[in-house]
C-alpha atoms as a PDB file:
ATOM      1  CA  MET A   1     -39.998   7.492  11.416  1.00  0.00           C
ATOM      2  CA  GLU A   2     -40.341  11.205  11.978  1.00  0.00           C
ATOM      3  CA  PRO A   3     -42.862  13.014   9.869  1.00  0.00           C
ATOM      4  CA  ASN A   4     -40.303  15.360   8.293  1.00  0.00           C
ATOM      5  CA  LYS A   5     -38.116  12.349   7.247  1.00  0.00           C
ATOM      6  CA  VAL A   6     -41.116  10.770   5.613  1.00  0.00           C
ATOM      7  CA  ILE A   7     -41.837  13.940   3.683  1.00  0.00           C
ATOM      8  CA  TYR A   8     -38.111  14.254   2.812  1.00  0.00           C
ATOM      9  CA  HIS A   9     -38.158  10.637   1.353  1.00  0.00           C
ATOM     10  CA  PHE A  10     -41.302  11.307  -0.596  1.00  0.00           C
ATOM     11  CA  TRP A  11     -39.680  14.474  -1.973  1.00  0.00           C
ATOM     12  CA  ILE A  12     -36.600  12.551  -2.947  1.00  0.00           C
ATOM     13  CA  ASP A  13     -38.626   9.898  -4.762  1.00  0.00           C
ATOM     14  CA  VAL A  14     -40.504  12.565  -6.674  1.00  0.00           C
ATOM     15  CA  CYS A  15     -37.950  15.212  -7.362  1.00  0.00           C
ATOM     16  CA  TYR A  16     -34.525  13.519  -7.435  1.00  0.00           C
ATOM     17  CA  ARG A  17     -34.348  12.855 -11.196  1.00  0.00           C
ATOM     18  CA  LYS A  18     -36.099  16.164 -12.057  1.00  0.00           C
ATOM     19  CA  LEU A  19     -33.551  18.149 -10.021  1.00  0.00           C
ATOM     20  CA  ALA A  20     -30.598  16.293 -11.469  1.00  0.00           C
ATOM     21  CA  ASP A  21     -31.825  16.750 -15.062  1.00  0.00           C
ATOM     22  CA  SER A  22     -32.589  20.399 -14.480  1.00  0.00           C
ATOM     23  CA  LEU A  23     -29.061  21.095 -13.274  1.00  0.00           C
ATOM     24  CA  LYS A  24     -27.531  19.036 -16.116  1.00  0.00           C
ATOM     25  CA  ALA A  25     -29.579  20.979 -18.662  1.00  0.00           C
ATOM     26  CA  ASN A  26     -28.175  24.237 -17.248  1.00  0.00           C
ATOM     27  CA  ASN A  27     -24.626  22.737 -17.125  1.00  0.00           C
ATOM     28  CA  LEU A  28     -24.552  23.212 -13.304  1.00  0.00           C
ATOM     29  CA  TYR A  29     -24.559  19.576 -12.196  1.00  0.00           C
ATOM     30  CA  ASN A  30     -21.783  18.318  -9.911  1.00  0.00           C
ATOM     31  CA  GLU A  31     -22.598  14.893  -8.538  1.00  0.00           C
ATOM     32  CA  ASP A  32     -20.599  15.272  -5.347  1.00  0.00           C
ATOM     33  CA  VAL A  33     -22.102  18.581  -4.523  1.00  0.00           C
ATOM     34  CA  PHE A  34     -25.510  17.225  -5.430  1.00  0.00           C
ATOM     35  CA  HIS A  35     -25.311  14.313  -3.040  1.00  0.00           C
ATOM     36  CA  ASP A  36     -23.661  16.358  -0.314  1.00  0.00           C
ATOM     37  CA  THR A  37     -26.513  18.824  -0.468  1.00  0.00           C
ATOM     38  CA  LEU A  38     -29.104  16.059  -0.204  1.00  0.00           C
ATOM     39  CA  LEU A  39     -27.302  14.553   2.807  1.00  0.00           C
ATOM     40  CA  GLU A  40     -26.950  17.884   4.571  1.00  0.00           C
ATOM     41  CA  ILE A  41     -30.647  18.586   4.147  1.00  0.00           C
ATOM     42  CA  TYR A  42     -31.484  15.203   5.534  1.00  0.00           C
ATOM     43  CA  SER A  43     -29.211  15.416   8.566  1.00  0.00           C
ATOM     44  CA  ASN A  44     -30.442  18.909   9.390  1.00  0.00           C
ATOM     45  CA  LEU A  45     -34.198  18.432   9.154  1.00  0.00           C
ATOM     46  CA  PRO A  46     -35.966  20.303  11.968  1.00  0.00           C
ATOM     47  CA  GLU A  47     -37.893  18.047  14.294  1.00  0.00           C
ATOM     48  CA  GLN A  48     -40.325  20.570  15.770  1.00  0.00           C
ATOM     49  CA  VAL A  49     -41.423  22.325  12.631  1.00  0.00           C
ATOM     50  CA  GLU A  50     -43.215  20.450   9.868  1.00  0.00           C
ATOM     51  CA  ILE A  51     -41.820  20.931   6.399  1.00  0.00           C
ATOM     52  CA  SER A  52     -43.427  20.634   3.062  1.00  0.00           C
ATOM     53  CA  VAL A  53     -42.298  19.228  -0.317  1.00  0.00           C
ATOM     54  CA  SER A  54     -41.986  22.781  -1.688  1.00  0.00           C
ATOM     55  CA  LYS A  55     -39.869  23.724   1.356  1.00  0.00           C
ATOM     56  CA  CYS A  56     -37.518  20.816   0.610  1.00  0.00           C
ATOM     57  CA  THR A  57     -37.057  22.009  -2.951  1.00  0.00           C
ATOM     58  CA  SER A  58     -36.484  25.626  -1.697  1.00  0.00           C
ATOM     59  CA  LEU A  59     -33.879  24.385   0.854  1.00  0.00           C
ATOM     60  CA  PHE A  60     -32.165  22.254  -1.841  1.00  0.00           C
ATOM     61  CA  VAL A  61     -31.895  25.184  -4.270  1.00  0.00           C
ATOM     62  CA  GLN A  62     -30.474  27.546  -1.726  1.00  0.00           C
ATOM     63  CA  LEU A  63     -27.948  25.019  -0.287  1.00  0.00           C
ATOM     64  CA  TYR A  64     -26.932  23.650  -3.680  1.00  0.00           C
ATOM     65  CA  ARG A  65     -26.146  27.101  -5.014  1.00  0.00           C
ATOM     66  CA  LYS A  66     -24.017  27.826  -1.917  1.00  0.00           C
ATOM     67  CA  LYS A  67     -22.136  24.510  -2.101  1.00  0.00           C
ATOM     68  CA  PHE A  68     -21.690  24.695  -5.906  1.00  0.00           C
ATOM     69  CA  LEU A  69     -20.058  28.149  -5.598  1.00  0.00           C
ATOM     70  CA  GLN A  70     -17.820  27.004  -2.743  1.00  0.00           C
ATOM     71  CA  ASN A  71     -16.759  24.043  -4.793  1.00  0.00           C
ATOM     72  CA  ILE A  72     -15.828  26.311  -7.775  1.00  0.00           C
ATOM     73  CA  SER A  73     -13.851  28.536  -5.446  1.00  0.00           C
ATOM     74  CA  LYS A  74     -12.062  25.556  -3.940  1.00  0.00           C
ATOM     75  CA  GLU A  75     -11.218  24.092  -7.321  1.00  0.00           C
ATOM     76  CA  SER A  76      -9.847  27.351  -8.652  1.00  0.00           C
ATOM     77  CA  ARG A  77      -7.154  27.531  -5.887  1.00  0.00           C
ATOM     78  CA  TYR A  78      -4.957  24.966  -7.602  1.00  0.00           C
ATOM     79  CA  VAL A  79      -3.043  25.140 -10.809  1.00  0.00           C
ATOM     80  CA  LYS A  80      -3.062  22.242 -13.230  1.00  0.00           C
ATOM     81  CA  PHE A  81       0.223  21.693 -15.279  1.00  0.00           C
ATOM     82  CA  GLU A  82      -0.046  20.734 -18.932  1.00  0.00           C
ATOM     83  CA  THR A  83       2.213  17.758 -18.415  1.00  0.00           C
ATOM     84  CA  PRO A  84       1.451  15.095 -15.897  1.00  0.00           C
ATOM     85  CA  ILE A  85       3.913  16.324 -13.248  1.00  0.00           C
ATOM     86  CA  LEU A  86       3.170  13.589 -10.759  1.00  0.00           C
ATOM     87  CA  GLU A  87       3.815  10.790 -13.255  1.00  0.00           C
ATOM     88  CA  LEU A  88       7.209  12.338 -14.109  1.00  0.00           C
ATOM     89  CA  ILE A  89       8.079  12.644 -10.374  1.00  0.00           C
ATOM     90  CA  VAL A  90       7.185   8.989  -9.812  1.00  0.00           C
ATOM     91  CA  SER A  91       9.042   7.784 -12.790  1.00  0.00           C
ATOM     92  CA  GLY A  92      12.072   9.791 -11.716  1.00  0.00           C
ATOM     93  CA  SER A  93      12.719  11.414 -15.099  1.00  0.00           C
ATOM     94  CA  SER A  94      12.022  14.987 -16.281  1.00  0.00           C
ATOM     95  CA  PRO A  95      11.961  16.649 -19.729  1.00  0.00           C
ATOM     96  CA  GLU A  96      15.126  18.554 -18.730  1.00  0.00           C
ATOM     97  CA  GLU A  97      16.953  15.362 -17.780  1.00  0.00           C
ATOM     98  CA  GLU A  98      16.144  13.747 -21.076  1.00  0.00           C
ATOM     99  CA  GLU A  99      17.502  16.781 -22.967  1.00  0.00           C
ATOM    100  CA  ASN A 100      20.853  16.931 -21.150  1.00  0.00           C
ATOM    101  CA  ASN A 101      22.283  13.835 -22.976  1.00  0.00           C
ATOM    102  CA  GLY A 102      25.247  13.216 -20.682  1.00  0.00           C
ATOM    103  CA  GLU A 103      26.066  16.703 -19.450  1.00  0.00           C
ATOM    104  CA  ALA A 104      27.638  17.250 -16.061  1.00  0.00           C
ATOM    105  CA  GLU A 105      24.289  18.040 -14.471  1.00  0.00           C
ATOM    106  CA  ALA A 106      22.888  14.704 -15.627  1.00  0.00           C
ATOM    107  CA  ASP A 107      25.866  12.912 -14.037  1.00  0.00           C
ATOM    108  CA  ILE A 108      25.406  14.613 -10.665  1.00  0.00           C
ATOM    109  CA  LEU A 109      21.577  14.437 -10.486  1.00  0.00           C
ATOM    110  CA  PRO A 110      21.355  10.680  -9.622  1.00  0.00           C
ATOM    111  CA  HIS A 111      23.860  11.118  -6.856  1.00  0.00           C
ATOM    112  CA  LEU A 112      21.955  14.163  -5.595  1.00  0.00           C
ATOM    113  CA  LYS A 113      18.687  12.150  -5.526  1.00  0.00           C
ATOM    114  CA  LYS A 114      20.332   9.407  -3.604  1.00  0.00           C
ATOM    115  CA  VAL A 115      21.587  11.834  -1.035  1.00  0.00           C
ATOM    116  CA  ALA A 116      18.245  13.574  -0.895  1.00  0.00           C
ATOM    117  CA  ASN A 117      16.407  10.289  -0.481  1.00  0.00           C
ATOM    118  CA  ARG A 118      18.710   9.301   2.410  1.00  0.00           C
ATOM    119  CA  VAL A 119      18.551  12.653   4.371  1.00  0.00           C
ATOM    120  CA  LEU A 120      15.093  14.105   3.563  1.00  0.00           C
ATOM    121  CA  SER A 121      11.643  13.137   4.825  1.00  0.00           C
ATOM    122  CA  PRO A 122       9.336  11.634   2.182  1.00  0.00           C
ATOM    123  CA  ASP A 123       7.435  14.908   1.774  1.00  0.00           C
ATOM    124  CA  GLU A 124      10.671  16.903   1.473  1.00  0.00           C
ATOM    125  CA  TYR A 125      11.982  14.399  -1.125  1.00  0.00           C
ATOM    126  CA  ARG A 126       8.822  14.745  -3.241  1.00  0.00           C
ATOM    127  CA  LEU A 127       9.156  18.534  -3.083  1.00  0.00           C
ATOM    128  CA  PHE A 128      12.842  18.224  -4.080  1.00  0.00           C
ATOM    129  CA  ASN A 129      11.987  16.040  -7.049  1.00  0.00           C
ATOM    130  CA  THR A 130       9.313  18.483  -8.160  1.00  0.00           C
ATOM    131  CA  TYR A 131      11.673  21.404  -7.818  1.00  0.00           C
ATOM    132  CA  VAL A 132      14.537  19.686  -9.682  1.00  0.00           C
ATOM    133  CA  ALA A 133      12.323  18.276 -12.392  1.00  0.00           C
ATOM    134  CA  TYR A 134      10.878  21.714 -13.258  1.00  0.00           C
ATOM    135  CA  PRO A 135      13.557  24.309 -12.683  1.00  0.00           C
ATOM    136  CA  THR A 136      11.711  26.732 -15.089  1.00  0.00           C
ATOM    137  CA  VAL A 137       8.494  26.689 -13.044  1.00  0.00           C
ATOM    138  CA  SER A 138       8.307  29.659 -10.752  1.00  0.00           C
ATOM    139  CA  ILE A 139       7.971  29.272  -7.037  1.00  0.00           C
ATOM    140  CA  ARG A 140       4.571  31.066  -7.269  1.00  0.00           C
ATOM    141  CA  LYS A 141       3.246  28.492  -9.734  1.00  0.00           C
ATOM    142  CA  LEU A 142       4.691  25.655  -7.741  1.00  0.00           C
ATOM    143  CA  SER A 143       3.086  26.898  -4.561  1.00  0.00           C
ATOM    144  CA  LEU A 144      -0.275  27.213  -6.302  1.00  0.00           C
ATOM    145  CA  TYR A 145       0.084  23.661  -7.585  1.00  0.00           C
ATOM    146  CA  ILE A 146       1.009  22.203  -4.184  1.00  0.00           C
ATOM    147  CA  GLY A 147      -1.477  24.461  -2.282  1.00  0.00           C
ATOM    148  CA  ILE A 148       0.809  26.093   0.216  1.00  0.00           C
ATOM    149  CA  PRO A 149       1.846  29.769   0.466  1.00  0.00           C
ATOM    150  CA  CYS A 150       5.019  30.994  -1.437  1.00  0.00           C
ATOM    151  CA  SER A 151       6.779  32.092   1.783  1.00  0.00           C
ATOM    152  CA  ILE A 152       6.485  28.646   3.325  1.00  0.00           C
ATOM    153  CA  LEU A 153       7.498  26.902   0.090  1.00  0.00           C
ATOM    154  CA  THR A 154      10.544  29.165  -0.210  1.00  0.00           C
ATOM    155  CA  LYS A 155      11.645  28.307   3.368  1.00  0.00           C
ATOM    156  CA  GLN A 156      11.130  24.658   2.760  1.00  0.00           C
ATOM    157  CA  ILE A 157      13.221  24.672  -0.473  1.00  0.00           C
ATOM    158  CA  SER A 158      15.966  26.624   1.270  1.00  0.00           C
ATOM    159  CA  LYS A 159      16.019  24.129   4.081  1.00  0.00           C
ATOM    160  CA  ILE A 160      16.154  21.216   1.650  1.00  0.00           C
ATOM    161  CA  LYS A 161      18.977  22.866  -0.245  1.00  0.00           C
ATOM    162  CA  GLU A 162      20.946  23.452   2.917  1.00  0.00           C
ATOM    163  CA  THR A 163      20.415  19.911   4.063  1.00  0.00           C
ATOM    164  CA  ILE A 164      21.658  18.515   0.717  1.00  0.00           C
ATOM    165  CA  ARG A 165      24.622  20.890   0.659  1.00  0.00           C
ATOM    166  CA  ASN A 166      25.654  19.726   4.207  1.00  0.00           C
ATOM    167  CA  ASN A 167      25.284  16.037   3.248  1.00  0.00           C
ATOM    168  CA  TYR A 168      26.723  15.961  -0.183  1.00  0.00           C
ATOM    169  CA  PRO A 169      30.413  14.873  -0.280  1.00  0.00           C
ATOM    170  CA  ILE A 170      31.578  17.597  -2.789  1.00  0.00           C
ATOM    171  CA  THR A 171      30.762  21.269  -3.137  1.00  0.00           C
ATOM    172  CA  ILE A 172      27.877  21.953  -5.450  1.00  0.00           C
ATOM    173  CA  ASN A 173      25.737  24.915  -6.345  1.00  0.00           C
ATOM    174  CA  ILE A 174      22.014  24.046  -6.220  1.00  0.00           C
END
């Protein structure tokens, strides 16, 4: 085994628990980021230059800080709805549907979903269900939740509406 890898393994044996406990005490511990950092240090160990245990700790702190901040940035890109939207989509019901109690919209919606399921791709159909289930959610919030830009989402919804209008047997206003 290479000398640097031996030093790395020794460092892991000595410092692993201490590093994890230190991060947990400061409320900065993220297990995925922690292990990704350890793996990246191991895979990028220099072969020509000998490293020391203190150098491993220094590398870990610098790389963990960078990865931790990247993870926070990545997590903040998405919006989390208060209600479990995906469960409602899978179940096929929505709060608005349950409140309609037999109105004309509730009578047409199952037929629209059948047409949509027949003519749309699976991804488009899921987007259609999300859009129909939450008519009060803005396009901006929906795009943040899904993770695509508003302009693309608007184009996709327009395309879905046009496809359904062209394939639905009677005239409807979506």
